[in-house]
N, C-alpha and C. Protein backbone atom coordinates (compact mmCIF):
# COMPACT_ATOMS: atom_id res chain seq x y z
N MET A 1 30.98 25.23 -13.71
CA MET A 1 30.47 25.98 -12.58
C MET A 1 31.53 25.95 -11.47
N LEU A 2 31.63 27.01 -10.76
CA LEU A 2 32.62 27.09 -9.68
C LEU A 2 32.26 26.14 -8.54
N ASP A 3 33.25 25.45 -8.01
CA ASP A 3 33.03 24.55 -6.89
C ASP A 3 32.56 25.29 -5.65
N ARG A 4 32.96 26.55 -5.53
CA ARG A 4 32.55 27.34 -4.37
C ARG A 4 31.05 27.58 -4.36
N LEU A 5 30.40 27.53 -5.51
CA LEU A 5 28.94 27.71 -5.57
C LEU A 5 28.22 26.37 -5.66
N PHE A 6 28.78 25.45 -6.41
CA PHE A 6 28.11 24.18 -6.65
C PHE A 6 28.03 23.30 -5.41
N LEU A 7 29.13 23.11 -4.72
CA LEU A 7 29.14 22.19 -3.58
C LEU A 7 28.27 22.67 -2.41
N PRO A 8 28.30 23.96 -2.03
CA PRO A 8 27.36 24.39 -0.99
C PRO A 8 25.89 24.28 -1.45
N GLY A 9 25.65 24.54 -2.71
CA GLY A 9 24.29 24.37 -3.24
C GLY A 9 23.85 22.92 -3.18
N LEU A 10 24.76 22.03 -3.53
CA LEU A 10 24.47 20.60 -3.45
C LEU A 10 24.22 20.17 -2.01
N LEU A 11 24.99 20.69 -1.09
CA LEU A 11 24.80 20.40 0.33
C LEU A 11 23.44 20.90 0.81
N ALA A 12 23.06 22.10 0.41
CA ALA A 12 21.75 22.65 0.80
C ALA A 12 20.62 21.82 0.20
N LEU A 13 20.76 21.41 -1.06
CA LEU A 13 19.73 20.58 -1.71
C LEU A 13 19.61 19.23 -1.01
N THR A 14 20.73 18.65 -0.63
CA THR A 14 20.72 17.38 0.08
C THR A 14 20.01 17.52 1.43
N ALA A 15 20.31 18.59 2.16
CA ALA A 15 19.66 18.82 3.45
C ALA A 15 18.16 19.02 3.26
N LEU A 16 17.76 19.72 2.21
CA LEU A 16 16.33 19.93 1.93
C LEU A 16 15.63 18.61 1.61
N ILE A 17 16.27 17.77 0.83
CA ILE A 17 15.67 16.48 0.49
C ILE A 17 15.54 15.59 1.72
N VAL A 18 16.55 15.58 2.58
CA VAL A 18 16.47 14.78 3.81
C VAL A 18 15.37 15.32 4.72
N ALA A 19 15.25 16.63 4.84
CA ALA A 19 14.19 17.22 5.67
C ALA A 19 12.82 16.89 5.11
N LEU A 20 12.67 16.92 3.80
CA LEU A 20 11.39 16.58 3.19
C LEU A 20 11.05 15.12 3.43
N ALA A 21 12.04 14.24 3.35
CA ALA A 21 11.81 12.82 3.59
C ALA A 21 11.37 12.55 5.03
N MET A 22 11.80 13.40 5.97
CA MET A 22 11.44 13.21 7.36
C MET A 22 9.98 13.56 7.63
N VAL A 23 9.36 14.40 6.81
CA VAL A 23 8.00 14.83 7.07
C VAL A 23 7.02 14.38 6.00
N TRP A 24 7.45 13.61 5.02
CA TRP A 24 6.57 13.16 3.95
C TRP A 24 5.55 12.17 4.52
N PRO A 25 4.32 12.17 4.03
CA PRO A 25 3.30 11.24 4.55
C PRO A 25 3.78 9.79 4.50
N GLN A 26 3.42 9.05 5.51
CA GLN A 26 3.96 7.71 5.67
C GLN A 26 3.03 6.60 5.20
N GLY A 27 1.87 6.91 4.61
CA GLY A 27 0.96 5.87 4.12
C GLY A 27 0.37 5.08 5.26
N LEU A 28 0.53 3.78 5.24
CA LEU A 28 -0.03 2.93 6.28
C LEU A 28 0.86 2.86 7.52
N GLY A 29 2.02 3.46 7.46
CA GLY A 29 2.95 3.42 8.58
C GLY A 29 2.60 4.44 9.65
N ASP A 30 3.57 4.76 10.47
CA ASP A 30 3.37 5.74 11.53
C ASP A 30 3.23 7.12 10.94
N ARG A 31 2.63 8.00 11.72
CA ARG A 31 2.42 9.36 11.25
C ARG A 31 3.74 10.13 11.22
N SER A 32 3.74 11.19 10.46
CA SER A 32 4.91 12.06 10.38
C SER A 32 5.08 12.77 11.71
N PRO A 33 6.30 13.18 12.03
CA PRO A 33 6.51 13.84 13.32
C PRO A 33 5.77 15.17 13.41
N PRO A 34 5.34 15.56 14.62
CA PRO A 34 4.67 16.84 14.79
C PRO A 34 5.59 17.98 14.40
N PRO A 35 5.14 19.05 13.94
CA PRO A 35 3.79 19.52 13.70
C PRO A 35 3.28 19.14 12.33
N PHE A 36 3.96 18.24 11.64
CA PHE A 36 3.56 17.85 10.30
C PHE A 36 2.66 16.64 10.35
N GLY A 37 1.97 16.40 9.27
CA GLY A 37 1.21 15.18 9.11
C GLY A 37 -0.02 15.10 10.00
N HIS A 38 -0.66 13.98 9.93
CA HIS A 38 -1.86 13.69 10.70
C HIS A 38 -1.95 12.17 10.85
N ALA A 39 -2.83 11.73 11.73
CA ALA A 39 -2.99 10.29 11.91
C ALA A 39 -3.51 9.70 10.60
N PRO A 40 -2.90 8.61 10.11
CA PRO A 40 -3.34 8.02 8.85
C PRO A 40 -4.81 7.60 8.91
N VAL A 41 -5.54 7.87 7.84
CA VAL A 41 -6.96 7.52 7.78
C VAL A 41 -7.14 6.02 7.91
N GLN A 42 -6.19 5.25 7.40
CA GLN A 42 -6.31 3.80 7.42
C GLN A 42 -6.26 3.21 8.83
N ARG A 43 -5.87 4.00 9.81
CA ARG A 43 -5.80 3.51 11.19
C ARG A 43 -7.13 3.64 11.92
N ALA A 44 -8.11 4.34 11.36
CA ALA A 44 -9.41 4.52 12.02
C ALA A 44 -10.12 3.17 12.09
N PRO A 45 -10.80 2.89 13.20
CA PRO A 45 -11.45 1.58 13.36
C PRO A 45 -12.47 1.26 12.27
N GLN A 46 -13.26 2.26 11.85
CA GLN A 46 -14.26 1.98 10.81
C GLN A 46 -13.60 1.67 9.47
N VAL A 47 -12.48 2.30 9.19
CA VAL A 47 -11.76 2.01 7.95
C VAL A 47 -11.12 0.63 8.03
N GLN A 48 -10.57 0.29 9.20
CA GLN A 48 -10.00 -1.05 9.38
C GLN A 48 -11.07 -2.12 9.17
N ALA A 49 -12.28 -1.88 9.72
CA ALA A 49 -13.37 -2.84 9.56
C ALA A 49 -13.77 -2.96 8.09
N ALA A 50 -13.85 -1.84 7.39
CA ALA A 50 -14.20 -1.87 5.96
C ALA A 50 -13.14 -2.61 5.16
N MET A 51 -11.86 -2.38 5.48
CA MET A 51 -10.79 -3.06 4.78
C MET A 51 -10.84 -4.57 5.04
N LYS A 52 -11.15 -4.95 6.28
CA LYS A 52 -11.25 -6.37 6.61
C LYS A 52 -12.43 -7.02 5.88
N ALA A 53 -13.56 -6.31 5.83
CA ALA A 53 -14.73 -6.85 5.14
C ALA A 53 -14.44 -7.01 3.65
N GLU A 54 -13.77 -6.06 3.05
CA GLU A 54 -13.43 -6.15 1.63
C GLU A 54 -12.47 -7.30 1.37
N THR A 55 -11.51 -7.51 2.27
CA THR A 55 -10.57 -8.62 2.12
C THR A 55 -11.30 -9.95 2.21
N GLU A 56 -12.21 -10.09 3.17
CA GLU A 56 -12.97 -11.32 3.31
C GLU A 56 -13.86 -11.57 2.10
N ALA A 57 -14.48 -10.52 1.57
CA ALA A 57 -15.32 -10.67 0.38
C ALA A 57 -14.48 -11.09 -0.82
N SER A 58 -13.31 -10.51 -0.94
CA SER A 58 -12.41 -10.86 -2.04
C SER A 58 -11.97 -12.32 -1.93
N GLU A 59 -11.64 -12.75 -0.73
CA GLU A 59 -11.23 -14.14 -0.52
C GLU A 59 -12.39 -15.09 -0.81
N ARG A 60 -13.60 -14.70 -0.45
CA ARG A 60 -14.78 -15.52 -0.71
C ARG A 60 -15.01 -15.65 -2.23
N ARG A 61 -14.90 -14.52 -2.97
CA ARG A 61 -15.07 -14.58 -4.43
C ARG A 61 -13.99 -15.44 -5.07
N LEU A 62 -12.77 -15.35 -4.57
CA LEU A 62 -11.68 -16.15 -5.10
C LEU A 62 -11.92 -17.64 -4.83
N ARG A 63 -12.39 -17.97 -3.64
CA ARG A 63 -12.67 -19.37 -3.31
C ARG A 63 -13.78 -19.92 -4.20
N LEU A 64 -14.84 -19.14 -4.42
CA LEU A 64 -15.94 -19.58 -5.29
C LEU A 64 -15.47 -19.76 -6.73
N ALA A 65 -14.62 -18.87 -7.20
CA ALA A 65 -14.10 -19.00 -8.56
C ALA A 65 -13.25 -20.26 -8.69
N ARG A 66 -12.43 -20.53 -7.69
CA ARG A 66 -11.60 -21.74 -7.73
C ARG A 66 -12.45 -22.99 -7.70
N GLU A 67 -13.52 -22.97 -6.89
CA GLU A 67 -14.43 -24.12 -6.84
C GLU A 67 -15.12 -24.31 -8.17
N ALA A 68 -15.51 -23.23 -8.84
CA ALA A 68 -16.17 -23.33 -10.14
C ALA A 68 -15.21 -23.92 -11.18
N VAL A 69 -13.96 -23.49 -11.16
CA VAL A 69 -12.97 -24.02 -12.10
C VAL A 69 -12.74 -25.50 -11.82
N ALA A 70 -12.64 -25.86 -10.56
CA ALA A 70 -12.43 -27.27 -10.21
C ALA A 70 -13.62 -28.11 -10.66
N ALA A 71 -14.84 -27.59 -10.51
CA ALA A 71 -16.03 -28.33 -10.95
C ALA A 71 -16.04 -28.49 -12.46
N LEU A 72 -15.65 -27.46 -13.19
CA LEU A 72 -15.59 -27.56 -14.65
C LEU A 72 -14.53 -28.57 -15.10
N LYS A 73 -13.39 -28.57 -14.42
CA LYS A 73 -12.34 -29.54 -14.76
C LYS A 73 -12.81 -30.97 -14.47
N ALA A 74 -13.48 -31.14 -13.34
CA ALA A 74 -13.97 -32.47 -12.99
C ALA A 74 -15.02 -32.93 -14.00
N LYS A 75 -15.86 -32.01 -14.44
CA LYS A 75 -16.89 -32.36 -15.42
C LYS A 75 -16.25 -32.69 -16.77
N ALA A 76 -15.20 -32.00 -17.15
CA ALA A 76 -14.53 -32.24 -18.43
C ALA A 76 -13.78 -33.56 -18.41
N HIS A 77 -13.28 -33.99 -17.26
CA HIS A 77 -12.53 -35.24 -17.17
C HIS A 77 -13.39 -36.44 -16.81
N ALA A 78 -14.65 -36.21 -16.50
CA ALA A 78 -15.54 -37.32 -16.14
C ALA A 78 -15.85 -38.14 -17.41
N PRO A 79 -15.91 -39.47 -17.26
CA PRO A 79 -16.22 -40.30 -18.44
C PRO A 79 -17.65 -40.04 -18.90
N ALA A 80 -17.82 -39.94 -20.21
CA ALA A 80 -19.15 -39.69 -20.80
C ALA A 80 -19.92 -40.99 -20.86
N ARG A 81 -21.23 -40.93 -20.67
CA ARG A 81 -22.07 -42.14 -20.72
C ARG A 81 -23.03 -42.04 -21.83
């Protein structure tokens, strides 16, 4: 392919990719610059509260599971009478 066509095309593709990266949704981070994007749903107070409640419930289930395993280990190592 001729360099006169390939290199400007490559430059245009690079500029397009950089422009797309500037406006792509940011997930839990900051919103994309205006006029693109919207405020992330995860930043809403009710969603934050739901995420916190789910994290606490998960930690509670994990703690109970660890306690159950510890109890089973203690029972297995206890001397039989």
